[in-house]
Amino acid sequence: MSLEVEVLEQAWLKAETIVDRTRCEAMRASERLSDTREKVAHGANKEIVVLLTKVETTAEKLKARHEAAERQANDLFDRLLEAKSQGGAHV
């Protein structure tokens, strides 16, 4: 395997690790958001509403980070496949 292909493969594997981590973070934030919304539905006080807003913002940011990481991993995977199909000659 050429050096370029090895470098792309390592970059892709790192990107997939980031995808997995951001997916877990986004899922935890989503669960916390659901819990907070449930608390709001059962008699929200001002502190809970502020918490809900913060959790919503965090969940949105984490979802966006996950989506960006997913796109990057997909791009790296496509580049890796292209490099492998060309024998690593062009990256």
PDB file of N, CA and C in Angstrom:
ATOM      1  N   MET A   1       0.856  -1.161   0.000  1.00  0.00           N
ATOM      2  CA  MET A   1       0.000   0.000   0.000  1.00  0.00           C
ATOM      3  C   MET A   1       0.909   1.233   0.000  1.00  0.00           C
ATOM      4  N   SER A   2       0.567   2.206  -0.818  1.00  0.00           N
ATOM      5  CA  SER A   2       1.406   3.395  -0.912  1.00  0.00           C
ATOM      6  C   SER A   2       1.259   4.249   0.341  1.00  0.00           C
ATOM      7  N   LEU A   3       2.222   5.132   0.507  1.00  0.00           N
ATOM      8  CA  LEU A   3       2.214   6.019   1.665  1.00  0.00           C
ATOM      9  C   LEU A   3       0.983   6.914   1.667  1.00  0.00           C
ATOM     10  N   GLU A   4       0.584   7.429   0.475  1.00  0.00           N
ATOM     11  CA  GLU A   4      -0.582   8.298   0.406  1.00  0.00           C
ATOM     12  C   GLU A   4      -1.849   7.568   0.865  1.00  0.00           C
ATOM     13  N   VAL A   5      -1.992   6.333   0.455  1.00  0.00           N
ATOM     14  CA  VAL A   5      -3.163   5.551   0.840  1.00  0.00           C
ATOM     15  C   VAL A   5      -3.147   5.297   2.345  1.00  0.00           C
ATOM     16  N   GLU A   6      -1.979   4.993   2.878  1.00  0.00           N
ATOM     17  CA  GLU A   6      -1.878   4.769   4.326  1.00  0.00           C
ATOM     18  C   GLU A   6      -2.243   6.031   5.103  1.00  0.00           C
ATOM     19  N   VAL A   7      -1.774   7.183   4.638  1.00  0.00           N
ATOM     20  CA  VAL A   7      -2.086   8.444   5.310  1.00  0.00           C
ATOM     21  C   VAL A   7      -3.589   8.710   5.253  1.00  0.00           C
ATOM     22  N   LEU A   8      -4.194   8.507   4.082  1.00  0.00           N
ATOM     23  CA  LEU A   8      -5.642   8.706   3.949  1.00  0.00           C
ATOM     24  C   LEU A   8      -6.406   7.733   4.826  1.00  0.00           C
ATOM     25  N   GLU A   9      -5.947   6.508   4.892  1.00  0.00           N
ATOM     26  CA  GLU A   9      -6.633   5.514   5.719  1.00  0.00           C
ATOM     27  C   GLU A   9      -6.586   5.913   7.189  1.00  0.00           C
ATOM     28  N   GLN A  10      -5.435   6.378   7.659  1.00  0.00           N
ATOM     29  CA  GLN A  10      -5.324   6.816   9.053  1.00  0.00           C
ATOM     30  C   GLN A  10      -6.206   8.037   9.318  1.00  0.00           C
ATOM     31  N   ALA A  11      -6.228   8.973   8.366  1.00  0.00           N
ATOM     32  CA  ALA A  11      -7.076  10.166   8.524  1.00  0.00           C
ATOM     33  C   ALA A  11      -8.543   9.766   8.580  1.00  0.00           C
ATOM     34  N   TRP A  12      -8.936   8.836   7.743  1.00  0.00           N
ATOM     35  CA  TRP A  12     -10.330   8.377   7.732  1.00  0.00           C
ATOM     36  C   TRP A  12     -10.684   7.703   9.052  1.00  0.00           C
ATOM     37  N   LEU A  13      -9.782   6.844   9.554  1.00  0.00           N
ATOM     38  CA  LEU A  13     -10.042   6.160  10.827  1.00  0.00           C
ATOM     39  C   LEU A  13     -10.182   7.166  11.974  1.00  0.00           C
ATOM     40  N   LYS A  14      -9.338   8.192  11.985  1.00  0.00           N
ATOM     41  CA  LYS A  14      -9.448   9.230  13.013  1.00  0.00           C
ATOM     42  C   LYS A  14     -10.778   9.968  12.881  1.00  0.00           C
ATOM     43  N   ALA A  15     -11.158  10.259  11.640  1.00  0.00           N
ATOM     44  CA  ALA A  15     -12.431  10.959  11.402  1.00  0.00           C
ATOM     45  C   ALA A  15     -13.606  10.105  11.874  1.00  0.00           C
ATOM     46  N   GLU A  16     -13.560   8.817  11.642  1.00  0.00           N
ATOM     47  CA  GLU A  16     -14.629   7.926  12.094  1.00  0.00           C
ATOM     48  C   GLU A  16     -14.699   7.891  13.620  1.00  0.00           C
ATOM     49  N   THR A  17     -13.552   7.960  14.275  1.00  0.00           N
ATOM     50  CA  THR A  17     -13.527   8.010  15.737  1.00  0.00           C
ATOM     51  C   THR A  17     -14.222   9.276  16.229  1.00  0.00           C
ATOM     52  N   ILE A  18     -13.961  10.393  15.554  1.00  0.00           N
ATOM     53  CA  ILE A  18     -14.616  11.651  15.907  1.00  0.00           C
ATOM     54  C   ILE A  18     -16.112  11.554  15.664  1.00  0.00           C
ATOM     55  N   VAL A  19     -16.503  10.908  14.562  1.00  0.00           N
ATOM     56  CA  VAL A  19     -17.929  10.718  14.268  1.00  0.00           C
ATOM     57  C   VAL A  19     -18.598   9.938  15.399  1.00  0.00           C
ATOM     58  N   ASP A  20     -17.970   8.875  15.821  1.00  0.00           N
ATOM     59  CA  ASP A  20     -18.540   8.063  16.908  1.00  0.00           C
ATOM     60  C   ASP A  20     -18.667   8.866  18.195  1.00  0.00           C
ATOM     61  N   ARG A  21     -17.621   9.623  18.521  1.00  0.00           N
ATOM     62  CA  ARG A  21     -17.645  10.415  19.757  1.00  0.00           C
ATOM     63  C   ARG A  21     -18.725  11.493  19.700  1.00  0.00           C
ATOM     64  N   THR A  22     -18.800  12.204  18.571  1.00  0.00           N
ATOM     65  CA  THR A  22     -19.798  13.269  18.471  1.00  0.00           C
ATOM     66  C   THR A  22     -21.210  12.700  18.423  1.00  0.00           C
ATOM     67  N   ARG A  23     -21.372  11.505  17.857  1.00  0.00           N
ATOM     68  CA  ARG A  23     -22.691  10.860  17.857  1.00  0.00           C
ATOM     69  C   ARG A  23     -23.122  10.581  19.291  1.00  0.00           C
ATOM     70  N   CYS A  24     -22.224  10.053  20.107  1.00  0.00           N
ATOM     71  CA  CYS A  24     -22.546   9.765  21.512  1.00  0.00           C
ATOM     72  C   CYS A  24     -22.868  11.044  22.274  1.00  0.00           C
ATOM     73  N   GLU A  25     -22.068  12.105  22.046  1.00  0.00           N
ATOM     74  CA  GLU A  25     -22.328  13.378  22.719  1.00  0.00           C
ATOM     75  C   GLU A  25     -23.689  13.938  22.314  1.00  0.00           C
ATOM     76  N   ALA A  26     -23.995  13.858  21.028  1.00  0.00           N
ATOM     77  CA  ALA A  26     -25.283  14.377  20.547  1.00  0.00           C
ATOM     78  C   ALA A  26     -26.442  13.563  21.111  1.00  0.00           C
ATOM     79  N   MET A  27     -26.263  12.265  21.216  1.00  0.00           N
ATOM     80  CA  MET A  27     -27.328  11.417  21.768  1.00  0.00           C
ATOM     81  C   MET A  27     -27.551  11.742  23.248  1.00  0.00           C
ATOM     82  N   ARG A  28     -26.470  11.925  24.005  1.00  0.00           N
ATOM     83  CA  ARG A  28     -26.611  12.274  25.425  1.00  0.00           C
ATOM     84  C   ARG A  28     -27.310  13.623  25.582  1.00  0.00           C
ATOM     85  N   ALA A  29     -26.929  14.588  24.737  1.00  0.00           N
ATOM     86  CA  ALA A  29     -27.565  15.906  24.808  1.00  0.00           C
ATOM     87  C   ALA A  29     -29.035  15.811  24.446  1.00  0.00           C
ATOM     88  N   SER A  30     -29.352  14.979  23.487  1.00  0.00           N
ATOM     89  CA  SER A  30     -30.741  14.791  23.080  1.00  0.00           C
ATOM     90  C   SER A  30     -31.556  14.172  24.213  1.00  0.00           C
ATOM     91  N   GLU A  31     -30.971  13.199  24.906  1.00  0.00           N
ATOM     92  CA  GLU A  31     -31.649  12.581  26.048  1.00  0.00           C
ATOM     93  C   GLU A  31     -31.856  13.608  27.170  1.00  0.00           C
ATOM     94  N   ARG A  32     -30.828  14.405  27.411  1.00  0.00           N
ATOM     95  CA  ARG A  32     -30.954  15.435  28.449  1.00  0.00           C
ATOM     96  C   ARG A  32     -32.021  16.456  28.056  1.00  0.00           C
ATOM     97  N   LEU A  33     -32.077  16.771  26.773  1.00  0.00           N
ATOM     98  CA  LEU A  33     -33.089  17.704  26.284  1.00  0.00           C
ATOM     99  C   LEU A  33     -34.488  17.143  26.515  1.00  0.00           C
ATOM    100  N   SER A  34     -34.677  15.872  26.228  1.00  0.00           N
ATOM    101  CA  SER A  34     -35.977  15.236  26.459  1.00  0.00           C
ATOM    102  C   SER A  34     -36.349  15.271  27.936  1.00  0.00           C
ATOM    103  N   ASP A  35     -35.385  14.954  28.796  1.00  0.00           N
ATOM    104  CA  ASP A  35     -35.636  14.992  30.244  1.00  0.00           C
ATOM    105  C   ASP A  35     -36.002  16.398  30.699  1.00  0.00           C
ATOM    106  N   THR A  36     -35.280  17.390  30.201  1.00  0.00           N
ATOM    107  CA  THR A  36     -35.534  18.774  30.600  1.00  0.00           C
ATOM    108  C   THR A  36     -36.894  19.237  30.094  1.00  0.00           C
ATOM    109  N   ARG A  37     -37.237  18.864  28.876  1.00  0.00           N
ATOM    110  CA  ARG A  37     -38.562  19.228  28.347  1.00  0.00           C
ATOM    111  C   ARG A  37     -39.672  18.602  29.192  1.00  0.00           C
ATOM    112  N   GLU A  38     -39.436  17.383  29.640  1.00  0.00           N
ATOM    113  CA  GLU A  38     -40.440  16.716  30.487  1.00  0.00           C
ATOM    114  C   GLU A  38     -40.605  17.469  31.805  1.00  0.00           C
ATOM    115  N   LYS A  39     -39.502  17.930  32.374  1.00  0.00           N
ATOM    116  CA  LYS A  39     -39.577  18.708  33.610  1.00  0.00           C
ATOM    117  C   LYS A  39     -40.327  20.006  33.382  1.00  0.00           C
ATOM    118  N   VAL A  40     -40.086  20.632  32.240  1.00  0.00           N
ATOM    119  CA  VAL A  40     -40.788  21.878  31.912  1.00  0.00           C
ATOM    120  C   VAL A  40     -42.284  21.617  31.815  1.00  0.00           C
ATOM    121  N   ALA A  41     -42.667  20.500  31.210  1.00  0.00           N
ATOM    122  CA  ALA A  41     -44.078  20.166  31.041  1.00  0.00           C
ATOM    123  C   ALA A  41     -44.769  19.921  32.388  1.00  0.00           C
ATOM    124  N   HIS A  42     -43.995  19.517  33.394  1.00  0.00           N
ATOM    125  CA  HIS A  42     -44.575  19.221  34.708  1.00  0.00           C
ATOM    126  C   HIS A  42     -44.425  20.380  35.686  1.00  0.00           C
ATOM    127  N   GLY A  43     -44.469  21.576  35.178  1.00  0.00           N
ATOM    128  CA  GLY A  43     -44.424  22.726  36.083  1.00  0.00           C
ATOM    129  C   GLY A  43     -43.078  23.414  36.088  1.00  0.00           C
ATOM    130  N   ALA A  44     -42.809  24.082  35.032  1.00  0.00           N
ATOM    131  CA  ALA A  44     -41.509  24.728  34.887  1.00  0.00           C
ATOM    132  C   ALA A  44     -41.393  25.964  35.758  1.00  0.00           C
ATOM    133  N   ASN A  45     -40.226  26.086  36.333  1.00  0.00           N
ATOM    134  CA  ASN A  45     -39.900  27.359  36.955  1.00  0.00           C
ATOM    135  C   ASN A  45     -38.869  28.040  36.049  1.00  0.00           C
ATOM    136  N   LYS A  46     -38.506  29.245  36.376  1.00  0.00           N
ATOM    137  CA  LYS A  46     -37.620  30.016  35.505  1.00  0.00           C
ATOM    138  C   LYS A  46     -36.277  29.315  35.294  1.00  0.00           C
ATOM    139  N   GLU A  47     -35.727  28.703  36.331  1.00  0.00           N
ATOM    140  CA  GLU A  47     -34.435  28.029  36.229  1.00  0.00           C
ATOM    141  C   GLU A  47     -34.491  26.869  35.234  1.00  0.00           C
ATOM    142  N   ILE A  48     -35.584  26.124  35.249  1.00  0.00           N
ATOM    143  CA  ILE A  48     -35.735  24.999  34.326  1.00  0.00           C
ATOM    144  C   ILE A  48     -35.844  25.503  32.886  1.00  0.00           C
ATOM    145  N   VAL A  49     -36.547  26.592  32.672  1.00  0.00           N
ATOM    146  CA  VAL A  49     -36.687  27.146  31.323  1.00  0.00           C
ATOM    147  C   VAL A  49     -35.330  27.607  30.805  1.00  0.00           C
ATOM    148  N   VAL A  50     -34.528  28.241  31.661  1.00  0.00           N
ATOM    149  CA  VAL A  50     -33.184  28.668  31.269  1.00  0.00           C
ATOM    150  C   VAL A  50     -32.337  27.440  30.949  1.00  0.00           C
ATOM    151  N   LEU A  51     -32.440  26.415  31.772  1.00  0.00           N
ATOM    152  CA  LEU A  51     -31.715  25.175  31.520  1.00  0.00           C
ATOM    153  C   LEU A  51     -32.140  24.559  30.192  1.00  0.00           C
ATOM    154  N   LEU A  52     -33.423  24.565  29.916  1.00  0.00           N
ATOM    155  CA  LEU A  52     -33.933  24.014  28.666  1.00  0.00           C
ATOM    156  C   LEU A  52     -33.314  24.738  27.476  1.00  0.00           C
ATOM    157  N   THR A  53     -33.255  26.055  27.541  1.00  0.00           N
ATOM    158  CA  THR A  53     -32.673  26.833  26.457  1.00  0.00           C
ATOM    159  C   THR A  53     -31.206  26.473  26.256  1.00  0.00           C
ATOM    160  N   LYS A  54     -30.466  26.327  27.357  1.00  0.00           N
ATOM    161  CA  LYS A  54     -29.050  25.955  27.266  1.00  0.00           C
ATOM    162  C   LYS A  54     -28.885  24.564  26.684  1.00  0.00           C
ATOM    163  N   VAL A  55     -29.705  23.640  27.116  1.00  0.00           N
ATOM    164  CA  VAL A  55     -29.613  22.262  26.620  1.00  0.00           C
ATOM    165  C   VAL A  55     -29.978  22.201  25.136  1.00  0.00           C
ATOM    166  N   GLU A  56     -30.999  22.957  24.739  1.00  0.00           N
ATOM    167  CA  GLU A  56     -31.379  23.000  23.320  1.00  0.00           C
ATOM    168  C   GLU A  56     -30.219  23.516  22.463  1.00  0.00           C
ATOM    169  N   THR A  57     -29.582  24.574  22.937  1.00  0.00           N
ATOM    170  CA  THR A  57     -28.446  25.140  22.207  1.00  0.00           C
ATOM    171  C   THR A  57     -27.304  24.140  22.120  1.00  0.00           C
ATOM    172  N   THR A  58     -27.006  23.489  23.218  1.00  0.00           N
ATOM    173  CA  THR A  58     -25.938  22.485  23.240  1.00  0.00           C
ATOM    174  C   THR A  58     -26.262  21.329  22.298  1.00  0.00           C
ATOM    175  N   ALA A  59     -27.484  20.857  22.341  1.00  0.00           N
ATOM    176  CA  ALA A  59     -27.891  19.746  21.477  1.00  0.00           C
ATOM    177  C   ALA A  59     -27.767  20.126  20.006  1.00  0.00           C
ATOM    178  N   GLU A  60     -28.164  21.340  19.669  1.00  0.00           N
ATOM    179  CA  GLU A  60     -28.063  21.793  18.282  1.00  0.00           C
ATOM    180  C   GLU A  60     -26.601  21.867  17.839  1.00  0.00           C
ATOM    181  N   LYS A  61     -25.740  22.400  18.703  1.00  0.00           N
ATOM    182  CA  LYS A  61     -24.313  22.498  18.379  1.00  0.00           C
ATOM    183  C   LYS A  61     -23.691  21.112  18.199  1.00  0.00           C
ATOM    184  N   LEU A  62     -24.033  20.197  19.093  1.00  0.00           N
ATOM    185  CA  LEU A  62     -23.478  18.847  19.004  1.00  0.00           C
ATOM    186  C   LEU A  62     -23.975  18.118  17.761  1.00  0.00           C
ATOM    187  N   LYS A  63     -25.225  18.326  17.412  1.00  0.00           N
ATOM    188  CA  LYS A  63     -25.761  17.718  16.198  1.00  0.00           C
ATOM    189  C   LYS A  63     -25.028  18.258  14.977  1.00  0.00           C
ATOM    190  N   ALA A  64     -24.782  19.556  14.951  1.00  0.00           N
ATOM    191  CA  ALA A  64     -24.054  20.165  13.829  1.00  0.00           C
ATOM    192  C   ALA A  64     -22.619  19.647  13.769  1.00  0.00           C
ATOM    193  N   ARG A  65     -21.965  19.499  14.935  1.00  0.00           N
ATOM    194  CA  ARG A  65     -20.597  18.947  14.957  1.00  0.00           C
ATOM    195  C   ARG A  65     -20.579  17.516  14.445  1.00  0.00           C
ATOM    196  N   HIS A  66     -21.583  16.745  14.849  1.00  0.00           N
ATOM    197  CA  HIS A  66     -21.660  15.357  14.390  1.00  0.00           C
ATOM    198  C   HIS A  66     -21.843  15.309  12.872  1.00  0.00           C
ATOM    199  N   GLU A  67     -22.741  16.131  12.356  1.00  0.00           N
ATOM    200  CA  GLU A  67     -22.986  16.144  10.912  1.00  0.00           C
ATOM    201  C   GLU A  67     -21.735  16.568  10.143  1.00  0.00           C
ATOM    202  N   ALA A  68     -21.001  17.556  10.661  1.00  0.00           N
ATOM    203  CA  ALA A  68     -19.763  17.996  10.008  1.00  0.00           C
ATOM    204  C   ALA A  68     -18.711  16.889  10.042  1.00  0.00           C
ATOM    205  N   ALA A  69     -18.608  16.198  11.170  1.00  0.00           N
ATOM    206  CA  ALA A  69     -17.661  15.097  11.288  1.00  0.00           C
ATOM    207  C   ALA A  69     -18.033  13.960  10.331  1.00  0.00           C
ATOM    208  N   GLU A  70     -19.310  13.695  10.205  1.00  0.00           N
ATOM    209  CA  GLU A  70     -19.791  12.651   9.290  1.00  0.00           C
ATOM    210  C   GLU A  70     -19.429  13.007   7.841  1.00  0.00           C
ATOM    211  N   ARG A  71     -19.641  14.268   7.473  1.00  0.00           N
ATOM    212  CA  ARG A  71     -19.293  14.704   6.109  1.00  0.00           C
ATOM    213  C   ARG A  71     -17.795  14.565   5.863  1.00  0.00           C
ATOM    214  N   GLN A  72     -16.983  14.965   6.843  1.00  0.00           N
ATOM    215  CA  GLN A  72     -15.540  14.875   6.690  1.00  0.00           C
ATOM    216  C   GLN A  72     -15.090  13.418   6.561  1.00  0.00           C
ATOM    217  N   ALA A  73     -15.649  12.555   7.378  1.00  0.00           N
ATOM    218  CA  ALA A  73     -15.295  11.137   7.306  1.00  0.00           C
ATOM    219  C   ALA A  73     -15.697  10.551   5.961  1.00  0.00           C
ATOM    220  N   ASN A  74     -16.869  10.918   5.466  1.00  0.00           N
ATOM    221  CA  ASN A  74     -17.310  10.425   4.163  1.00  0.00           C
ATOM    222  C   ASN A  74     -16.396  10.915   3.048  1.00  0.00           C
ATOM    223  N   ASP A  75     -15.985  12.180   3.130  1.00  0.00           N
ATOM    224  CA  ASP A  75     -15.073  12.743   2.128  1.00  0.00           C
ATOM    225  C   ASP A  75     -13.740  12.009   2.152  1.00  0.00           C
ATOM    226  N   LEU A  76     -13.212  11.778   3.351  1.00  0.00           N
ATOM    227  CA  LEU A  76     -11.943  11.065   3.463  1.00  0.00           C
ATOM    228  C   LEU A  76     -12.065   9.630   2.958  1.00  0.00           C
ATOM    229  N   PHE A  77     -13.188   9.006   3.229  1.00  0.00           N
ATOM    230  CA  PHE A  77     -13.389   7.643   2.746  1.00  0.00           C
ATOM    231  C   PHE A  77     -13.436   7.621   1.215  1.00  0.00           C
ATOM    232  N   ASP A  78     -14.138   8.585   0.624  1.00  0.00           N
ATOM    233  CA  ASP A  78     -14.183   8.669  -0.838  1.00  0.00           C
ATOM    234  C   ASP A  78     -12.793   8.879  -1.419  1.00  0.00           C
ATOM    235  N   ARG A  79     -12.007   9.758  -0.781  1.00  0.00           N
ATOM    236  CA  ARG A  79     -10.638   9.994  -1.252  1.00  0.00           C
ATOM    237  C   ARG A  79      -9.791   8.748  -1.097  1.00  0.00           C
ATOM    238  N   LEU A  80      -9.989   8.018  -0.014  1.00  0.00           N
ATOM    239  CA  LEU A  80      -9.260   6.779   0.208  1.00  0.00           C
ATOM    240  C   LEU A  80      -9.590   5.764  -0.877  1.00  0.00           C
ATOM    241  N   LEU A  81     -10.878   5.586  -1.177  1.00  0.00           N
ATOM    242  CA  LEU A  81     -11.266   4.646  -2.226  1.00  0.00           C
ATOM    243  C   LEU A  81     -10.691   5.040  -3.582  1.00  0.00           C
ATOM    244  N   GLU A  82     -10.709   6.353  -3.855  1.00  0.00           N
ATOM    245  CA  GLU A  82     -10.182   6.836  -5.123  1.00  0.00           C
ATOM    246  C   GLU A  82      -8.678   6.565  -5.211  1.00  0.00           C
ATOM    247  N   ALA A  83      -7.974   6.827  -4.117  1.00  0.00           N
ATOM    248  CA  ALA A  83      -6.524   6.578  -4.087  1.00  0.00           C
ATOM    249  C   ALA A  83      -6.215   5.093  -4.248  1.00  0.00           C
ATOM    250  N   LYS A  84      -7.001   4.247  -3.598  1.00  0.00           N
ATOM    251  CA  LYS A  84      -6.790   2.795  -3.728  1.00  0.00           C
ATOM    252  C   LYS A  84      -7.070   2.336  -5.154  1.00  0.00           C
ATOM    253  N   SER A  85      -8.114   2.869  -5.772  1.00  0.00           N
ATOM    254  CA  SER A  85      -8.442   2.445  -7.127  1.00  0.00           C
ATOM    255  C   SER A  85      -7.396   2.930  -8.140  1.00  0.00           C
ATOM    256  N   GLN A  86      -6.701   4.012  -7.813  1.00  0.00           N
ATOM    257  CA  GLN A  86      -5.656   4.527  -8.698  1.00  0.00           C
ATOM    258  C   GLN A  86      -4.283   4.056  -8.277  1.00  0.00           C
ATOM    259  N   GLY A  87      -4.249   3.116  -7.386  1.00  0.00           N
ATOM    260  CA  GLY A  87      -2.971   2.573  -6.924  1.00  0.00           C
ATOM    261  C   GLY A  87      -2.185   3.532  -6.056  1.00  0.00           C
ATOM    262  N   GLY A  88      -2.870   4.517  -5.492  1.00  0.00           N
ATOM    263  CA  GLY A  88      -2.189   5.455  -4.616  1.00  0.00           C
ATOM    264  C   GLY A  88      -1.397   6.496  -5.348  1.00  0.00           C
ATOM    265  N   ALA A  89      -1.540   6.560  -6.675  1.00  0.00           N
ATOM    266  CA  ALA A  89      -0.755   7.491  -7.469  1.00  0.00           C
ATOM    267  C   ALA A  89      -1.216   8.926  -7.310  1.00  0.00           C
ATOM    268  N   HIS A  90      -2.512   9.140  -7.118  1.00  0.00           N
ATOM    269  CA  HIS A  90      -3.054  10.489  -7.000  1.00  0.00           C
ATOM    270  C   HIS A  90      -3.881  10.604  -5.731  1.00  0.00           C
ATOM    271  N   VAL A  91      -3.611  11.635  -4.975  1.00  0.00           N
ATOM    272  CA  VAL A  91      -4.371  11.868  -3.750  1.00  0.00           C
ATOM    273  C   VAL A  91      -5.047  13.202  -3.823  1.00  0.00           C
TER     274      VAL A  91
END
